[in-house]
Amino acid sequence: LADVRADVSKLMDIRSGCNFALLGYAYNTRYNARNDANSGQIAVLSFRKKQEGTLLRLSYSANIRTLGAGYAARWYFLIDGQECSSPEKIDVVMYQGSAATNTYVPAYLTGVCSATSSGRIGTGQHSITVH
């Protein structure tokens, strides 16, 4: 709980403009734009984290859909093969109640992460995947 309070405190500092510096960014705009798979990896990005004690801000946007009556789907980030655990998981869920529609919905998956079940995300090379 103390780690979560510290992470939230850092996030509040960032939002209020205190103690904030752009430490770097990485992005990827190349992925299979039409992916009809029912599961698996959608996008991947490798990056090097340069400074300890910082949070990762992750964002992904796409048009999503769930096909079939009464089905739900979940999109989420994996960092080095693990879901974020601090402050909490980062995901978006969509429920499709009617089989008669095939509607794509714009979605924005975003959040901050400081640790996974393997521990705090330290400096060095990391991989982020969207599933």
N, C-alpha and C. Protein backbone atom coordinates (compact mmCIF):
# COMPACT_ATOMS: atom_id res chain seq x y z
N LEU A 1 0.82 -1.20 0.00
CA LEU A 1 0.00 0.00 0.00
C LEU A 1 0.86 1.26 0.00
N ALA A 2 1.99 1.22 0.68
CA ALA A 2 2.87 2.38 0.71
C ALA A 2 3.40 2.69 -0.69
N ASP A 3 3.72 1.62 -1.48
CA ASP A 3 4.18 1.83 -2.85
C ASP A 3 3.12 2.51 -3.69
N VAL A 4 1.86 2.08 -3.53
CA VAL A 4 0.77 2.68 -4.30
C VAL A 4 0.61 4.15 -3.93
N ARG A 5 0.68 4.46 -2.62
CA ARG A 5 0.58 5.86 -2.19
C ARG A 5 1.70 6.69 -2.78
N ALA A 6 2.92 6.14 -2.79
CA ALA A 6 4.06 6.86 -3.36
C ALA A 6 3.85 7.08 -4.85
N ASP A 7 3.36 6.04 -5.57
CA ASP A 7 3.12 6.17 -7.00
C ASP A 7 2.04 7.21 -7.29
N VAL A 8 0.96 7.17 -6.53
CA VAL A 8 -0.12 8.14 -6.73
C VAL A 8 0.37 9.54 -6.41
N SER A 9 1.20 9.67 -5.37
CA SER A 9 1.75 10.97 -5.01
C SER A 9 2.61 11.51 -6.15
N LYS A 10 3.45 10.66 -6.76
CA LYS A 10 4.27 11.08 -7.89
C LYS A 10 3.39 11.49 -9.06
N LEU A 11 2.33 10.73 -9.32
CA LEU A 11 1.42 11.05 -10.41
C LEU A 11 0.76 12.40 -10.16
N MET A 12 0.35 12.66 -8.92
CA MET A 12 -0.27 13.94 -8.59
C MET A 12 0.73 15.08 -8.79
N ASP A 13 2.00 14.84 -8.45
CA ASP A 13 3.02 15.85 -8.68
C ASP A 13 3.15 16.15 -10.17
N ILE A 14 3.11 15.10 -10.99
CA ILE A 14 3.21 15.28 -12.44
C ILE A 14 2.04 16.10 -12.95
N ARG A 15 0.84 15.76 -12.52
CA ARG A 15 -0.34 16.47 -13.01
C ARG A 15 -0.39 17.92 -12.55
N SER A 16 0.16 18.20 -11.37
CA SER A 16 0.12 19.58 -10.88
C SER A 16 1.29 20.39 -11.43
N GLY A 17 2.20 19.73 -12.16
CA GLY A 17 3.31 20.45 -12.75
C GLY A 17 4.54 20.51 -11.87
N CYS A 18 4.52 19.89 -10.71
CA CYS A 18 5.67 19.91 -9.80
C CYS A 18 6.60 18.74 -10.12
N ASN A 19 7.88 18.98 -10.04
CA ASN A 19 8.89 17.94 -10.19
C ASN A 19 8.71 17.13 -11.47
N PHE A 20 8.34 17.77 -12.55
CA PHE A 20 8.11 17.06 -13.79
C PHE A 20 9.15 17.45 -14.82
N ALA A 21 9.75 16.46 -15.43
CA ALA A 21 10.67 16.69 -16.54
C ALA A 21 10.43 15.58 -17.56
N LEU A 22 10.42 15.93 -18.83
CA LEU A 22 10.27 14.92 -19.86
C LEU A 22 11.56 14.13 -19.93
N LEU A 23 11.49 12.89 -19.53
CA LEU A 23 12.68 12.05 -19.46
C LEU A 23 12.94 11.30 -20.75
N GLY A 24 11.99 11.32 -21.64
CA GLY A 24 12.15 10.64 -22.91
C GLY A 24 10.87 9.94 -23.31
N TYR A 25 10.80 9.53 -24.53
CA TYR A 25 9.62 8.83 -25.00
C TYR A 25 10.02 7.89 -26.12
N ALA A 26 9.17 6.90 -26.34
CA ALA A 26 9.35 5.97 -27.43
C ALA A 26 7.98 5.69 -28.00
N TYR A 27 7.90 5.48 -29.30
CA TYR A 27 6.60 5.19 -29.88
C TYR A 27 6.76 4.29 -31.10
N ASN A 28 5.67 3.65 -31.45
CA ASN A 28 5.65 2.77 -32.61
C ASN A 28 4.31 2.97 -33.30
N THR A 29 4.33 3.26 -34.57
CA THR A 29 3.08 3.41 -35.32
C THR A 29 2.91 2.28 -36.33
N ARG A 30 3.83 1.33 -36.34
CA ARG A 30 3.73 0.23 -37.30
C ARG A 30 3.24 -1.03 -36.62
N TYR A 31 2.11 -1.49 -37.04
CA TYR A 31 1.56 -2.77 -36.61
C TYR A 31 0.51 -3.17 -37.62
N ASN A 32 0.04 -4.38 -37.53
CA ASN A 32 -0.97 -4.87 -38.45
C ASN A 32 -2.29 -4.15 -38.16
N ALA A 33 -2.63 -3.17 -38.98
CA ALA A 33 -3.81 -2.34 -38.73
C ALA A 33 -5.10 -3.15 -38.78
N ARG A 34 -5.12 -4.22 -39.55
CA ARG A 34 -6.31 -5.07 -39.61
C ARG A 34 -5.94 -6.40 -38.98
N ASN A 35 -6.34 -6.58 -37.76
CA ASN A 35 -5.99 -7.79 -37.03
C ASN A 35 -7.29 -8.43 -36.55
N ASP A 36 -7.72 -9.48 -37.21
CA ASP A 36 -8.97 -10.15 -36.87
C ASP A 36 -8.76 -11.32 -35.91
N ALA A 37 -7.59 -11.39 -35.29
CA ALA A 37 -7.32 -12.48 -34.36
C ALA A 37 -8.21 -12.38 -33.13
N ASN A 38 -8.53 -13.52 -32.55
CA ASN A 38 -9.34 -13.56 -31.34
C ASN A 38 -8.52 -13.39 -30.07
N SER A 39 -7.22 -13.53 -30.18
CA SER A 39 -6.35 -13.35 -29.02
C SER A 39 -4.93 -13.14 -29.51
N GLY A 40 -4.06 -12.74 -28.59
CA GLY A 40 -2.66 -12.61 -28.93
C GLY A 40 -2.17 -11.18 -28.97
N GLN A 41 -0.97 -11.06 -29.44
CA GLN A 41 -0.27 -9.77 -29.47
C GLN A 41 -0.77 -8.90 -30.61
N ILE A 42 -1.06 -7.64 -30.31
CA ILE A 42 -1.51 -6.69 -31.31
C ILE A 42 -0.38 -5.76 -31.73
N ALA A 43 0.37 -5.26 -30.77
CA ALA A 43 1.48 -4.34 -31.04
C ALA A 43 2.59 -4.59 -30.05
N VAL A 44 3.83 -4.24 -30.45
CA VAL A 44 4.99 -4.42 -29.57
C VAL A 44 5.91 -3.21 -29.69
N LEU A 45 6.53 -2.85 -28.58
CA LEU A 45 7.46 -1.73 -28.56
C LEU A 45 8.58 -2.07 -27.58
N SER A 46 9.82 -1.90 -28.01
CA SER A 46 10.96 -2.06 -27.11
C SER A 46 11.50 -0.69 -26.78
N PHE A 47 11.94 -0.52 -25.55
CA PHE A 47 12.48 0.78 -25.14
C PHE A 47 13.48 0.58 -24.01
N ARG A 48 14.27 1.60 -23.75
CA ARG A 48 15.24 1.58 -22.66
C ARG A 48 14.83 2.61 -21.62
N LYS A 49 14.58 2.16 -20.40
CA LYS A 49 14.27 3.07 -19.30
C LYS A 49 15.59 3.56 -18.72
N LYS A 50 15.74 4.88 -18.64
CA LYS A 50 17.03 5.46 -18.28
C LYS A 50 17.14 5.88 -16.82
N GLN A 51 16.02 6.08 -16.13
CA GLN A 51 16.10 6.63 -14.78
C GLN A 51 15.23 5.84 -13.81
N GLU A 52 15.79 5.53 -12.64
CA GLU A 52 15.05 4.85 -11.58
C GLU A 52 14.03 5.81 -10.95
N GLY A 53 13.06 5.25 -10.27
CA GLY A 53 12.11 6.07 -9.51
C GLY A 53 11.12 6.83 -10.38
N THR A 54 10.93 6.39 -11.62
CA THR A 54 9.98 7.05 -12.51
C THR A 54 8.87 6.07 -12.87
N LEU A 55 7.75 6.61 -13.30
CA LEU A 55 6.62 5.80 -13.74
C LEU A 55 6.61 5.72 -15.26
N LEU A 56 6.07 4.64 -15.79
CA LEU A 56 5.85 4.54 -17.23
C LEU A 56 4.44 5.01 -17.52
N ARG A 57 4.28 5.87 -18.49
CA ARG A 57 2.94 6.26 -18.96
C ARG A 57 2.74 5.56 -20.28
N LEU A 58 1.75 4.67 -20.34
CA LEU A 58 1.49 3.86 -21.52
C LEU A 58 0.19 4.28 -22.17
N SER A 59 0.19 4.38 -23.50
CA SER A 59 -1.02 4.75 -24.24
C SER A 59 -1.08 3.95 -25.54
N TYR A 60 -2.29 3.55 -25.89
CA TYR A 60 -2.54 2.85 -27.15
C TYR A 60 -3.95 3.19 -27.59
N SER A 61 -4.12 3.55 -28.84
CA SER A 61 -5.47 3.83 -29.35
C SER A 61 -5.72 3.02 -30.61
N ALA A 62 -6.96 2.61 -30.78
CA ALA A 62 -7.35 1.81 -31.93
C ALA A 62 -8.87 1.76 -32.02
N ASN A 63 -9.38 1.32 -33.14
CA ASN A 63 -10.79 0.99 -33.27
C ASN A 63 -10.92 -0.50 -32.92
N ILE A 64 -11.77 -0.80 -31.95
CA ILE A 64 -11.90 -2.17 -31.47
C ILE A 64 -13.31 -2.69 -31.70
N ARG A 65 -13.45 -4.00 -31.67
CA ARG A 65 -14.79 -4.60 -31.79
C ARG A 65 -14.79 -5.95 -31.11
N THR A 66 -15.98 -6.38 -30.74
CA THR A 66 -16.23 -7.72 -30.25
C THR A 66 -17.36 -8.28 -31.10
N LEU A 67 -17.13 -9.42 -31.71
CA LEU A 67 -18.07 -9.99 -32.67
C LEU A 67 -18.79 -11.18 -32.05
N GLY A 68 -20.12 -11.17 -32.12
CA GLY A 68 -20.91 -12.28 -31.59
C GLY A 68 -21.76 -11.84 -30.42
N ALA A 69 -22.89 -12.47 -30.24
CA ALA A 69 -23.84 -12.08 -29.19
C ALA A 69 -23.33 -12.52 -27.82
N GLY A 70 -23.36 -11.61 -26.88
CA GLY A 70 -23.02 -11.92 -25.50
C GLY A 70 -21.54 -12.14 -25.23
N TYR A 71 -20.67 -11.61 -26.09
CA TYR A 71 -19.24 -11.77 -25.90
C TYR A 71 -18.61 -10.49 -25.36
N ALA A 72 -17.53 -10.67 -24.63
CA ALA A 72 -16.74 -9.54 -24.15
C ALA A 72 -15.28 -9.78 -24.53
N ALA A 73 -14.54 -8.71 -24.69
CA ALA A 73 -13.11 -8.81 -24.98
C ALA A 73 -12.36 -7.79 -24.13
N ARG A 74 -11.11 -8.10 -23.86
CA ARG A 74 -10.28 -7.26 -23.01
C ARG A 74 -8.96 -6.98 -23.73
N TRP A 75 -8.56 -5.71 -23.76
CA TRP A 75 -7.29 -5.28 -24.31
C TRP A 75 -6.44 -4.79 -23.14
N TYR A 76 -5.14 -5.13 -23.11
CA TYR A 76 -4.30 -4.79 -21.96
C TYR A 76 -2.83 -4.74 -22.38
N PHE A 77 -2.01 -4.14 -21.51
CA PHE A 77 -0.57 -4.05 -21.71
C PHE A 77 0.15 -5.15 -20.95
N LEU A 78 1.24 -5.66 -21.53
CA LEU A 78 2.19 -6.50 -20.82
C LEU A 78 3.55 -5.80 -20.89
N ILE A 79 4.21 -5.72 -19.76
CA ILE A 79 5.54 -5.15 -19.68
C ILE A 79 6.48 -6.29 -19.34
N ASP A 80 7.36 -6.62 -20.27
CA ASP A 80 8.25 -7.78 -20.11
C ASP A 80 7.46 -9.04 -19.77
N GLY A 81 6.30 -9.19 -20.41
CA GLY A 81 5.48 -10.39 -20.24
C GLY A 81 4.59 -10.41 -19.01
N GLN A 82 4.55 -9.33 -18.25
CA GLN A 82 3.75 -9.26 -17.02
C GLN A 82 2.81 -8.06 -17.07
N GLU A 83 1.62 -8.21 -16.48
CA GLU A 83 0.71 -7.06 -16.38
C GLU A 83 1.17 -6.13 -15.27
N CYS A 84 0.84 -4.87 -15.42
CA CYS A 84 1.13 -3.88 -14.40
C CYS A 84 0.39 -4.25 -13.12
N SER A 85 1.05 -4.09 -11.98
CA SER A 85 0.40 -4.37 -10.71
C SER A 85 0.40 -3.16 -9.78
N SER A 86 1.14 -2.13 -10.14
CA SER A 86 1.18 -0.93 -9.30
C SER A 86 1.22 0.30 -10.19
N PRO A 87 0.28 1.22 -10.08
CA PRO A 87 -0.77 1.23 -9.09
C PRO A 87 -1.86 0.18 -9.33
N GLU A 88 -2.16 -0.20 -10.60
CA GLU A 88 -3.11 -1.27 -10.88
C GLU A 88 -3.02 -1.66 -12.34
N LYS A 89 -3.77 -2.68 -12.75
CA LYS A 89 -3.77 -3.13 -14.15
C LYS A 89 -4.26 -2.01 -15.06
N ILE A 90 -3.79 -2.05 -16.31
CA ILE A 90 -4.22 -1.08 -17.32
C ILE A 90 -4.93 -1.87 -18.41
N ASP A 91 -6.24 -1.67 -18.55
CA ASP A 91 -6.99 -2.43 -19.54
C ASP A 91 -8.26 -1.70 -19.96
N VAL A 92 -8.87 -2.21 -21.01
CA VAL A 92 -10.18 -1.73 -21.47
C VAL A 92 -10.98 -2.97 -21.88
N VAL A 93 -12.27 -2.97 -21.56
CA VAL A 93 -13.14 -4.11 -21.85
C VAL A 93 -14.31 -3.63 -22.69
N MET A 94 -14.70 -4.47 -23.65
CA MET A 94 -15.85 -4.15 -24.49
C MET A 94 -16.79 -5.35 -24.50
N TYR A 95 -18.09 -5.08 -24.33
CA TYR A 95 -19.12 -6.12 -24.35
C TYR A 95 -19.99 -5.92 -25.59
N GLN A 96 -20.27 -6.99 -26.31
CA GLN A 96 -21.13 -6.95 -27.49
C GLN A 96 -22.40 -7.72 -27.17
N GLY A 97 -23.51 -7.01 -27.06
CA GLY A 97 -24.75 -7.65 -26.68
C GLY A 97 -25.55 -8.22 -27.84
N SER A 98 -25.28 -7.77 -29.07
CA SER A 98 -26.09 -8.19 -30.21
C SER A 98 -25.20 -8.70 -31.33
N ALA A 99 -25.56 -9.85 -31.89
CA ALA A 99 -24.79 -10.41 -33.01
C ALA A 99 -25.10 -9.69 -34.32
N ALA A 100 -26.18 -8.90 -34.33
CA ALA A 100 -26.60 -8.24 -35.56
C ALA A 100 -25.69 -7.05 -35.92
N THR A 101 -24.86 -6.60 -35.00
CA THR A 101 -24.01 -5.44 -35.29
C THR A 101 -22.55 -5.86 -35.38
N ASN A 102 -21.81 -5.14 -36.19
CA ASN A 102 -20.37 -5.33 -36.33
C ASN A 102 -19.75 -3.94 -36.22
N THR A 103 -19.88 -3.36 -35.05
CA THR A 103 -19.50 -1.98 -34.85
C THR A 103 -18.09 -1.86 -34.29
N TYR A 104 -17.29 -1.04 -34.95
CA TYR A 104 -15.97 -0.70 -34.42
C TYR A 104 -16.13 0.54 -33.54
N VAL A 105 -15.48 0.52 -32.39
CA VAL A 105 -15.58 1.61 -31.43
C VAL A 105 -14.19 2.15 -31.16
N PRO A 106 -13.99 3.47 -31.22
CA PRO A 106 -12.67 4.01 -30.88
C PRO A 106 -12.39 3.79 -29.39
N ALA A 107 -11.20 3.31 -29.09
CA ALA A 107 -10.82 3.05 -27.70
C ALA A 107 -9.44 3.63 -27.44
N TYR A 108 -9.24 4.06 -26.21
CA TYR A 108 -7.96 4.63 -25.80
C TYR A 108 -7.55 3.95 -24.51
N LEU A 109 -6.53 3.13 -24.59
CA LEU A 109 -6.00 2.38 -23.45
C LEU A 109 -4.82 3.18 -22.90
N THR A 110 -4.93 3.67 -21.68
CA THR A 110 -3.86 4.50 -21.13
C THR A 110 -3.77 4.34 -19.62
N GLY A 111 -2.59 4.53 -19.09
CA GLY A 111 -2.38 4.46 -17.65
C GLY A 111 -0.92 4.61 -17.31
N VAL A 112 -0.62 4.57 -16.02
CA VAL A 112 0.77 4.63 -15.55
C VAL A 112 1.10 3.34 -14.81
N CYS A 113 2.39 2.99 -14.82
CA CYS A 113 2.82 1.75 -14.19
C CYS A 113 4.21 1.94 -13.59
N SER A 114 4.39 1.42 -12.38
CA SER A 114 5.71 1.44 -11.76
C SER A 114 6.23 0.04 -11.47
N ALA A 115 5.32 -0.96 -11.45
CA ALA A 115 5.76 -2.32 -11.11
C ALA A 115 4.83 -3.37 -11.72
N THR A 116 5.39 -4.57 -11.92
CA THR A 116 4.62 -5.74 -12.32
C THR A 116 4.74 -6.76 -11.19
N SER A 117 4.18 -7.94 -11.39
CA SER A 117 4.29 -8.97 -10.35
C SER A 117 5.74 -9.40 -10.14
N SER A 118 6.62 -9.07 -11.08
CA SER A 118 8.05 -9.39 -10.95
C SER A 118 8.80 -8.34 -10.14
N GLY A 119 8.14 -7.23 -9.81
CA GLY A 119 8.79 -6.17 -9.04
C GLY A 119 8.77 -4.84 -9.78
N ARG A 120 9.46 -3.85 -9.19
CA ARG A 120 9.52 -2.52 -9.78
C ARG A 120 10.20 -2.58 -11.15
N ILE A 121 9.76 -1.72 -12.06
CA ILE A 121 10.34 -1.68 -13.40
C ILE A 121 11.58 -0.79 -13.33
N GLY A 122 12.74 -1.42 -13.40
CA GLY A 122 14.00 -0.70 -13.25
C GLY A 122 14.55 -0.20 -14.58
N THR A 123 15.74 0.35 -14.52
CA THR A 123 16.37 0.86 -15.72
C THR A 123 16.76 -0.32 -16.61
N GLY A 124 16.97 -0.04 -17.89
CA GLY A 124 17.38 -1.06 -18.83
C GLY A 124 16.38 -1.27 -19.94
N GLN A 125 16.61 -2.28 -20.74
CA GLN A 125 15.80 -2.58 -21.90
C GLN A 125 14.52 -3.30 -21.48
N HIS A 126 13.39 -2.87 -22.03
CA HIS A 126 12.09 -3.48 -21.71
C HIS A 126 11.27 -3.62 -22.98
N SER A 127 10.26 -4.48 -22.91
CA SER A 127 9.35 -4.70 -24.02
C SER A 127 7.91 -4.51 -23.54
N ILE A 128 7.13 -3.76 -24.29
CA ILE A 128 5.72 -3.56 -23.99
C ILE A 128 4.92 -4.16 -25.14
N THR A 129 3.92 -4.98 -24.81
CA THR A 129 3.04 -5.52 -25.83
C THR A 129 1.59 -5.19 -25.47
N VAL A 130 0.79 -5.01 -26.50
CA VAL A 130 -0.65 -4.82 -26.33
C VAL A 130 -1.31 -6.12 -26.74
N HIS A 131 -2.18 -6.62 -25.90
CA HIS A 131 -2.92 -7.86 -26.17
C HIS A 131 -4.41 -7.57 -26.12
